[in-house]
Amino acid sequence: MTTYEYDPDAWHPALAGAVAGAIAGVVAALISLVLRSPDEIVANSLSVTLVSIALGAVSGMLWRRLRATDRPLWTFGWSMFGGWVVAMLAISFGHWFVLDNLLGYAAPLAAIIFITLGFLTPLLARVALAWWIGLVVIAVAVVLGVLLFGRGNVASGDLSLDDLPAATTTTTVVDTESQSTGGDPTSTTAAADLSGEVTLPDDLAASYTVATGVATYEVPEVLQGLSTVGVGRSESVSGSFSPEGAFSFTLDLQSFVSDQSRRDSRVRGWFTDHPEGTFSGSTFTLPASAVVGEPVSFTISGDLTINEISLPTEWTIEARIETDGSLTILGETDIVLSDFEIPVQTSGFVTMEDAAHLEILVSAVPG
């Protein structure tokens, strides 16, 4: 036997469900901040909140049909479980055929939403408050979804000297005794064990080669009025330099990977004809001295070549001499995309600013 009694002052079940969805959406949106979105355009705090509110309204209409039946809570609970199963099937389909990593992002959020709806919808359908209070709760949830947009666990282009391990190598040691006697300096290779203050560039090898490296870009984007940043990362960095000044670095511009496959396809298309970018010059001038393990800062200038267009560019450099004799070097600069004939998307759902921040981090070994 059902114990349902109609209360004309209670919230309409659809409103009660939408409010339950708003509450579930706020919880899910907050949790989404610690998850990596597979595509910030379609999977973000705002979309999570809106989907939760919509599912809540549907659950409210379902409760309206079930509340006067026998064992309504039991039936409604199993209906929410069935809805979760359908959602998981849809998420799995999207994971395999549309968006990579969608399952890890959406599965826990779906569980939160359906569990919350299963508990709160029947309870809120008994609330006897003014209908506009429910609308205020829904509006607050939507505003919070907008405010949280783009603040989740998205990729960052910021690098630091500790983001790459120091290369294990040996150090080329200059024979200072030969120099003092007027003979030709010779080089020997010995196990590096550097410490304390060193004189630059005298205590360094004559040349260095990049052993490992990573590069990132950050391009400001606007998604229908909401600001975010597109970030890509590549580990295809090579190059060499001399502490006496000459340097040359090369980057595979088509190797960048971001959190959005559509962005990656667009970036690869920019550099189809000229996939390599280079930065070279003769101003790699270190300070007079440095302490092993402590960073030093300076600037270098040279020619940055992208799409066969070479322009003078200045980079801010932070470098550190490691105890094994290798050098860890971080460089960053800002460029104008259109200067290198990179097309800037200024219309559509996603627009770009005509600017990019570039960072390159390398570990270089003598040789």
Protein backbone atom coordinates (compact mmCIF):
# COMPACT_ATOMS: atom_id res chain seq x y z
CA MET A 1 0.00 0.00 0.00
CA THR A 2 1.23 3.49 -0.81
CA THR A 3 1.30 6.16 1.89
CA TYR A 4 1.54 9.09 -0.53
CA GLU A 5 -0.66 12.10 0.24
CA TYR A 6 -0.86 15.04 -2.14
CA ASP A 7 0.35 18.36 -0.69
CA PRO A 8 -0.63 21.35 -2.86
CA ASP A 9 1.97 23.54 -1.12
CA ALA A 10 4.87 21.21 -1.85
CA TRP A 11 7.31 21.83 -4.70
CA HIS A 12 6.40 20.36 -8.05
CA PRO A 13 8.44 17.15 -8.47
CA ALA A 14 10.18 18.55 -11.57
CA LEU A 15 11.34 21.58 -9.57
CA ALA A 16 12.36 19.35 -6.66
CA GLY A 17 14.36 17.15 -9.03
CA ALA A 18 16.03 20.16 -10.68
CA VAL A 19 17.05 21.49 -7.25
CA ALA A 20 18.40 18.06 -6.34
CA GLY A 21 20.28 18.12 -9.64
CA ALA A 22 21.66 21.57 -8.83
CA ILE A 23 22.98 20.35 -5.49
CA ALA A 24 24.45 17.24 -7.13
CA GLY A 25 25.92 19.44 -9.86
CA VAL A 26 27.72 21.67 -7.36
CA VAL A 27 29.25 18.64 -5.64
CA ALA A 28 30.23 17.05 -8.96
CA ALA A 29 31.64 20.34 -10.32
CA LEU A 30 33.85 20.74 -7.24
CA ILE A 31 35.10 17.18 -7.53
CA SER A 32 35.72 17.68 -11.27
CA LEU A 33 38.37 20.25 -10.36
CA VAL A 34 40.74 17.49 -9.25
CA LEU A 35 40.07 15.39 -12.35
CA ARG A 36 41.75 15.87 -15.74
CA SER A 37 39.13 16.89 -18.29
CA PRO A 38 39.52 15.08 -21.63
CA ASP A 39 38.19 18.15 -23.44
CA GLU A 40 37.60 21.42 -21.61
CA ILE A 41 35.15 22.54 -24.30
CA VAL A 42 32.58 19.82 -23.63
CA ALA A 43 33.63 18.40 -20.25
CA ASN A 44 33.88 21.17 -17.67
CA SER A 45 32.27 22.40 -14.46
CA LEU A 46 29.50 24.22 -16.32
CA SER A 47 28.52 21.30 -18.53
CA VAL A 48 28.58 18.97 -15.50
CA THR A 49 26.25 21.31 -13.62
CA LEU A 50 23.82 21.75 -16.52
CA VAL A 51 23.65 18.02 -17.23
CA SER A 52 23.03 17.34 -13.54
CA ILE A 53 20.17 19.87 -13.41
CA ALA A 54 18.61 18.37 -16.56
CA LEU A 55 18.85 14.84 -15.16
CA GLY A 56 17.35 16.12 -11.93
CA ALA A 57 14.32 17.54 -13.74
CA VAL A 58 13.84 14.18 -15.50
CA SER A 59 14.17 12.31 -12.21
CA GLY A 60 11.55 14.65 -10.72
CA MET A 61 9.07 13.84 -13.47
CA LEU A 62 9.77 10.15 -12.94
CA TRP A 63 9.13 10.54 -9.21
CA ARG A 64 5.85 12.28 -10.02
CA ARG A 65 4.70 9.13 -11.81
CA LEU A 66 6.00 6.72 -9.17
CA ARG A 67 5.16 8.45 -5.89
CA ALA A 68 1.56 7.18 -5.74
CA THR A 69 2.48 3.57 -6.58
CA ASP A 70 3.35 0.71 -4.27
CA ARG A 71 6.93 0.79 -2.98
CA PRO A 72 7.79 4.06 -4.84
CA LEU A 73 11.16 4.58 -3.16
CA TRP A 74 12.26 1.07 -4.08
CA THR A 75 11.22 1.53 -7.69
CA PHE A 76 12.71 5.00 -7.90
CA GLY A 77 16.02 3.81 -6.45
CA TRP A 78 16.29 1.03 -9.01
CA SER A 79 15.36 3.54 -11.73
CA MET A 80 18.28 5.74 -10.67
CA PHE A 81 20.56 2.70 -10.79
CA GLY A 82 19.30 1.93 -14.28
CA GLY A 83 19.92 5.53 -15.30
CA TRP A 84 23.48 5.26 -14.01
CA VAL A 85 24.02 2.06 -16.03
CA VAL A 86 22.78 3.78 -19.20
CA ALA A 87 25.00 6.78 -18.46
CA MET A 88 28.02 4.50 -17.99
CA LEU A 89 27.34 2.84 -21.34
CA ALA A 90 27.16 6.25 -23.02
CA ILE A 91 30.33 7.39 -21.24
CA SER A 92 32.15 4.21 -22.26
CA PHE A 93 31.10 4.72 -25.87
CA GLY A 94 32.36 8.29 -25.76
CA HIS A 95 35.60 7.13 -24.13
CA TRP A 96 36.38 4.64 -26.88
CA PHE A 97 35.14 6.53 -29.92
CA VAL A 98 34.99 10.27 -29.15
CA LEU A 99 37.12 11.55 -26.23
CA ASP A 100 40.14 9.84 -24.75
CA ASN A 101 40.08 9.53 -20.95
CA LEU A 102 36.37 10.42 -20.72
CA LEU A 103 35.68 7.37 -18.56
CA GLY A 104 38.06 8.42 -15.78
CA TYR A 105 36.58 11.90 -15.73
CA ALA A 106 32.84 11.25 -16.09
CA ALA A 107 32.32 7.92 -14.30
CA PRO A 108 32.80 9.19 -10.72
CA LEU A 109 30.75 12.32 -11.48
CA ALA A 110 27.88 10.22 -12.84
CA ALA A 111 27.88 8.11 -9.69
CA ILE A 112 27.72 11.22 -7.50
CA ILE A 113 24.87 12.73 -9.52
CA PHE A 114 22.65 9.64 -9.60
CA ILE A 115 23.20 8.78 -5.93
CA THR A 116 22.36 12.35 -4.92
CA LEU A 117 19.25 12.41 -7.11
CA GLY A 118 18.09 9.08 -5.70
CA PHE A 119 18.17 10.43 -2.13
CA LEU A 120 17.22 14.09 -2.53
CA THR A 121 14.48 14.11 -5.19
CA PRO A 122 11.82 12.34 -3.06
CA LEU A 123 12.78 14.44 -0.02
CA LEU A 124 12.67 17.80 -1.80
CA ALA A 125 9.34 16.91 -3.40
CA ARG A 126 7.87 17.26 0.11
CA VAL A 127 9.33 20.75 0.66
CA ALA A 128 6.64 23.40 1.15
CA LEU A 129 8.52 26.57 0.22
CA ALA A 130 8.03 29.29 -2.35
CA TRP A 131 8.86 28.04 -5.84
CA TRP A 132 11.29 30.90 -6.46
CA ILE A 133 13.59 29.61 -3.71
CA GLY A 134 14.18 26.52 -5.80
CA LEU A 135 14.95 28.68 -8.83
CA VAL A 136 17.47 30.65 -6.77
CA VAL A 137 19.25 27.41 -5.80
CA ILE A 138 19.39 26.38 -9.45
CA ALA A 139 20.68 29.81 -10.52
CA VAL A 140 23.39 29.74 -7.86
CA ALA A 141 24.54 26.33 -9.07
CA VAL A 142 24.78 27.57 -12.66
CA VAL A 143 26.73 30.68 -11.64
CA LEU A 144 29.13 28.53 -9.61
CA GLY A 145 29.60 26.26 -12.64
CA VAL A 146 30.53 29.31 -14.71
CA LEU A 147 32.94 30.62 -12.07
CA LEU A 148 34.68 27.25 -11.78
CA PHE A 149 35.04 26.91 -15.54
CA GLY A 150 38.68 26.43 -16.56
CA ARG A 151 39.91 26.11 -12.97
CA GLY A 152 40.18 22.36 -12.89
CA ASN A 153 43.14 20.03 -13.14
CA VAL A 154 44.14 21.12 -16.63
CA ALA A 155 47.58 20.88 -18.12
CA SER A 156 50.07 23.64 -17.42
CA GLY A 157 52.89 24.92 -19.57
CA ASP A 158 54.92 26.08 -16.58
CA LEU A 159 58.23 24.26 -16.25
CA SER A 160 60.91 24.32 -13.58
CA LEU A 161 64.50 23.14 -13.39
CA ASP A 162 63.41 20.10 -11.40
CA ASP A 163 61.00 18.82 -14.05
CA LEU A 164 63.80 16.86 -15.76
CA PRO A 165 66.31 14.59 -14.04
CA ALA A 166 69.94 15.61 -14.36
CA ALA A 167 71.70 13.55 -17.00
CA THR A 168 74.23 11.04 -15.67
CA THR A 169 77.48 11.59 -17.45
CA THR A 170 81.13 12.48 -17.15
CA THR A 171 82.69 15.89 -17.27
CA THR A 172 85.41 17.12 -19.59
CA VAL A 173 88.18 18.58 -17.42
CA VAL A 174 90.64 21.11 -18.85
CA ASP A 175 94.32 20.42 -18.13
CA THR A 176 95.18 23.72 -16.44
CA GLU A 177 98.82 22.64 -15.88
CA SER A 178 99.46 22.55 -19.62
CA GLN A 179 97.95 26.00 -19.87
CA SER A 180 100.23 27.39 -17.14
CA THR A 181 103.38 26.03 -18.83
CA GLY A 182 102.46 27.45 -22.17
CA GLY A 183 101.58 24.11 -23.75
CA ASP A 184 98.44 23.28 -25.63
CA PRO A 185 95.48 22.60 -23.32
CA THR A 186 94.32 19.02 -23.42
CA SER A 187 91.09 17.48 -22.23
CA THR A 188 90.53 14.36 -20.24
CA THR A 189 87.33 12.70 -19.26
CA ALA A 190 86.81 11.92 -15.59
CA ALA A 191 83.88 11.12 -13.38
CA ALA A 192 82.19 14.37 -12.43
CA ASP A 193 81.85 15.30 -8.80
CA LEU A 194 81.39 19.05 -8.79
CA SER A 195 80.60 21.17 -5.78
CA GLY A 196 80.99 24.70 -4.52
CA GLU A 197 81.66 27.76 -6.66
CA VAL A 198 82.99 27.37 -10.18
CA THR A 199 84.34 29.88 -12.67
CA LEU A 200 82.38 30.24 -15.89
CA PRO A 201 82.97 29.24 -18.58
CA ASP A 202 86.50 28.03 -17.69
CA ASP A 203 85.33 25.14 -15.47
CA LEU A 204 82.85 23.85 -18.04
CA ALA A 205 83.30 21.62 -21.05
CA ALA A 206 83.90 23.19 -24.45
CA SER A 207 80.53 22.07 -25.77
CA TYR A 208 77.29 20.45 -24.62
CA THR A 209 74.62 18.33 -26.30
CA VAL A 210 70.98 18.06 -25.27
CA ALA A 211 70.36 14.64 -23.70
CA THR A 212 66.70 15.10 -22.78
CA GLY A 213 64.31 17.97 -23.24
CA VAL A 214 60.72 19.13 -23.09
CA ALA A 215 58.96 22.12 -24.61
CA THR A 216 55.55 23.64 -23.89
CA TYR A 217 53.32 26.30 -25.38
CA GLU A 218 50.50 28.30 -23.80
CA VAL A 219 48.00 30.11 -26.03
CA PRO A 220 45.15 32.12 -24.44
CA GLU A 221 41.76 30.94 -25.75
CA VAL A 222 38.17 32.06 -25.32
CA LEU A 223 35.35 29.48 -25.29
CA GLN A 224 32.14 31.39 -25.96
CA GLY A 225 33.18 34.26 -23.70
CA LEU A 226 34.94 32.09 -21.10
CA SER A 227 38.72 32.51 -20.92
CA THR A 228 41.05 29.52 -20.76
CA VAL A 229 44.52 28.56 -21.95
CA GLY A 230 45.48 25.99 -24.56
CA VAL A 231 48.58 24.07 -23.48
CA GLY A 232 50.71 21.67 -25.50
CA ARG A 233 53.78 19.63 -24.58
CA SER A 234 56.53 18.02 -26.64
CA GLU A 235 59.58 15.96 -25.75
CA SER A 236 61.18 16.20 -29.20
CA VAL A 237 63.90 18.71 -28.37
CA SER A 238 67.49 18.48 -29.61
CA GLY A 239 70.41 20.84 -29.80
CA SER A 240 73.89 21.80 -28.74
CA PHE A 241 75.66 24.85 -27.39
CA SER A 242 78.99 26.17 -26.23
CA PRO A 243 79.54 28.13 -23.02
CA GLU A 244 81.58 30.45 -25.24
CA GLY A 245 78.39 31.66 -26.93
CA ALA A 246 77.21 29.58 -29.91
CA PHE A 247 73.96 27.62 -29.60
CA SER A 248 71.35 25.87 -31.73
CA PHE A 249 68.14 24.15 -30.61
CA THR A 250 65.65 22.26 -32.78
CA LEU A 251 62.05 21.31 -31.97
CA ASP A 252 59.58 19.06 -33.80
CA LEU A 253 56.58 21.39 -34.00
CA GLN A 254 54.20 18.57 -34.96
CA SER A 255 54.97 16.56 -31.82
CA PHE A 256 53.00 18.76 -29.39
CA VAL A 257 50.23 17.00 -27.47
CA SER A 258 47.53 18.76 -25.45
CA ASP A 259 44.36 17.68 -23.64
CA GLN A 260 42.30 18.14 -26.82
CA SER A 261 42.80 16.11 -29.98
CA ARG A 262 41.10 18.82 -32.06
CA ARG A 263 43.67 21.36 -30.93
CA ASP A 264 46.50 18.92 -31.70
CA SER A 265 45.18 18.38 -35.23
CA ARG A 266 45.01 22.13 -35.76
CA VAL A 267 48.58 22.63 -34.50
CA ARG A 268 49.93 19.83 -36.71
CA GLY A 269 48.21 21.45 -39.67
CA TRP A 270 50.04 24.72 -39.03
CA PHE A 271 53.42 23.07 -39.54
CA THR A 272 52.74 20.44 -42.21
CA ASP A 273 55.14 22.01 -44.71
CA HIS A 274 57.78 23.07 -42.16
CA PRO A 275 57.65 20.72 -39.15
CA GLU A 276 60.85 21.90 -37.47
CA GLY A 277 61.48 25.09 -35.54
CA THR A 278 64.95 26.29 -34.61
CA PHE A 279 66.50 28.85 -32.31
CA SER A 280 70.16 29.68 -32.84
CA GLY A 281 72.66 32.43 -32.16
CA SER A 282 75.99 33.28 -30.58
CA THR A 283 75.03 34.97 -27.31
CA PHE A 284 74.97 32.09 -24.82
CA THR A 285 76.94 34.13 -22.31
CA LEU A 286 77.06 32.77 -18.79
CA PRO A 287 77.79 34.90 -15.71
CA ALA A 288 81.36 34.98 -14.34
CA SER A 289 80.74 32.37 -11.66
CA ALA A 290 78.11 30.04 -10.25
CA VAL A 291 77.58 27.66 -7.35
CA VAL A 292 76.95 24.05 -8.25
CA GLY A 293 73.30 23.16 -7.66
CA GLU A 294 72.12 26.77 -7.53
CA PRO A 295 70.41 28.46 -10.50
CA VAL A 296 71.76 31.48 -12.34
CA SER A 297 69.72 33.75 -14.61
CA PHE A 298 70.64 35.59 -17.79
CA THR A 299 69.20 36.33 -21.23
CA ILE A 300 70.17 35.16 -24.70
CA SER A 301 69.09 36.47 -28.07
CA GLY A 302 69.09 34.83 -31.45
CA ASP A 303 66.97 33.96 -34.45
CA LEU A 304 63.78 31.94 -33.92
CA THR A 305 62.75 30.23 -37.15
CA ILE A 306 59.20 28.93 -37.64
CA ASN A 307 57.58 28.26 -41.02
CA GLU A 308 60.91 29.36 -42.56
CA ILE A 309 60.45 32.83 -41.06
CA SER A 310 63.39 33.94 -38.90
CA LEU A 311 62.91 36.73 -36.38
CA PRO A 312 65.17 38.02 -33.59
CA THR A 313 63.94 36.72 -30.23
CA GLU A 314 65.13 37.14 -26.66
CA TRP A 315 64.80 34.34 -24.13
CA THR A 316 65.03 34.50 -20.35
CA ILE A 317 67.30 31.71 -19.17
CA GLU A 318 67.60 29.95 -15.83
CA ALA A 319 70.46 27.47 -15.67
CA ARG A 320 71.95 25.16 -13.06
CA ILE A 321 75.23 23.23 -12.99
CA GLU A 322 74.62 19.74 -11.64
CA THR A 323 77.08 17.78 -9.50
CA ASP A 324 77.58 15.26 -12.34
CA GLY A 325 78.77 18.02 -14.68
CA SER A 326 75.60 18.32 -16.74
CA LEU A 327 73.67 21.55 -17.20
CA THR A 328 69.93 21.96 -16.69
CA ILE A 329 68.61 24.91 -18.67
CA LEU A 330 65.15 26.48 -18.76
CA GLY A 331 64.30 29.14 -21.32
CA GLU A 332 61.08 31.06 -21.95
CA THR A 333 59.84 33.73 -24.28
CA ASP A 334 56.67 35.25 -25.76
CA ILE A 335 55.92 35.45 -29.47
CA VAL A 336 53.24 36.86 -31.75
CA LEU A 337 51.76 33.97 -33.75
CA SER A 338 50.89 35.96 -36.86
CA ASP A 339 54.53 37.09 -37.16
CA PHE A 340 55.34 33.49 -38.12
CA GLU A 341 52.27 33.12 -40.39
CA ILE A 342 50.50 30.92 -37.85
CA PRO A 343 46.75 31.29 -38.45
CA VAL A 344 44.90 32.72 -35.47
CA GLN A 345 41.32 31.49 -35.03
CA THR A 346 39.20 34.58 -34.36
CA SER A 347 35.69 33.21 -34.94
CA GLY A 348 33.64 30.18 -34.01
CA PHE A 349 33.14 28.40 -30.71
CA VAL A 350 36.82 28.73 -29.82
CA THR A 351 38.89 31.84 -30.52
CA MET A 352 42.57 32.46 -29.91
CA GLU A 353 44.73 35.38 -28.96
CA ASP A 354 47.55 36.29 -31.31
CA ALA A 355 50.16 35.35 -28.71
CA ALA A 356 51.96 32.35 -27.28
CA HIS A 357 54.25 31.72 -24.34
CA LEU A 358 57.00 29.18 -25.06
CA GLU A 359 59.16 27.29 -22.57
CA ILE A 360 61.98 24.83 -23.24
CA LEU A 361 63.70 22.76 -20.56
CA VAL A 362 66.75 20.65 -21.39
CA SER A 363 69.39 18.59 -19.64
CA ALA A 364 72.67 18.89 -21.55
CA VAL A 365 75.80 16.77 -21.22
CA PRO A 366 79.38 17.51 -22.28
CA GLY A 367 80.17 16.47 -25.79
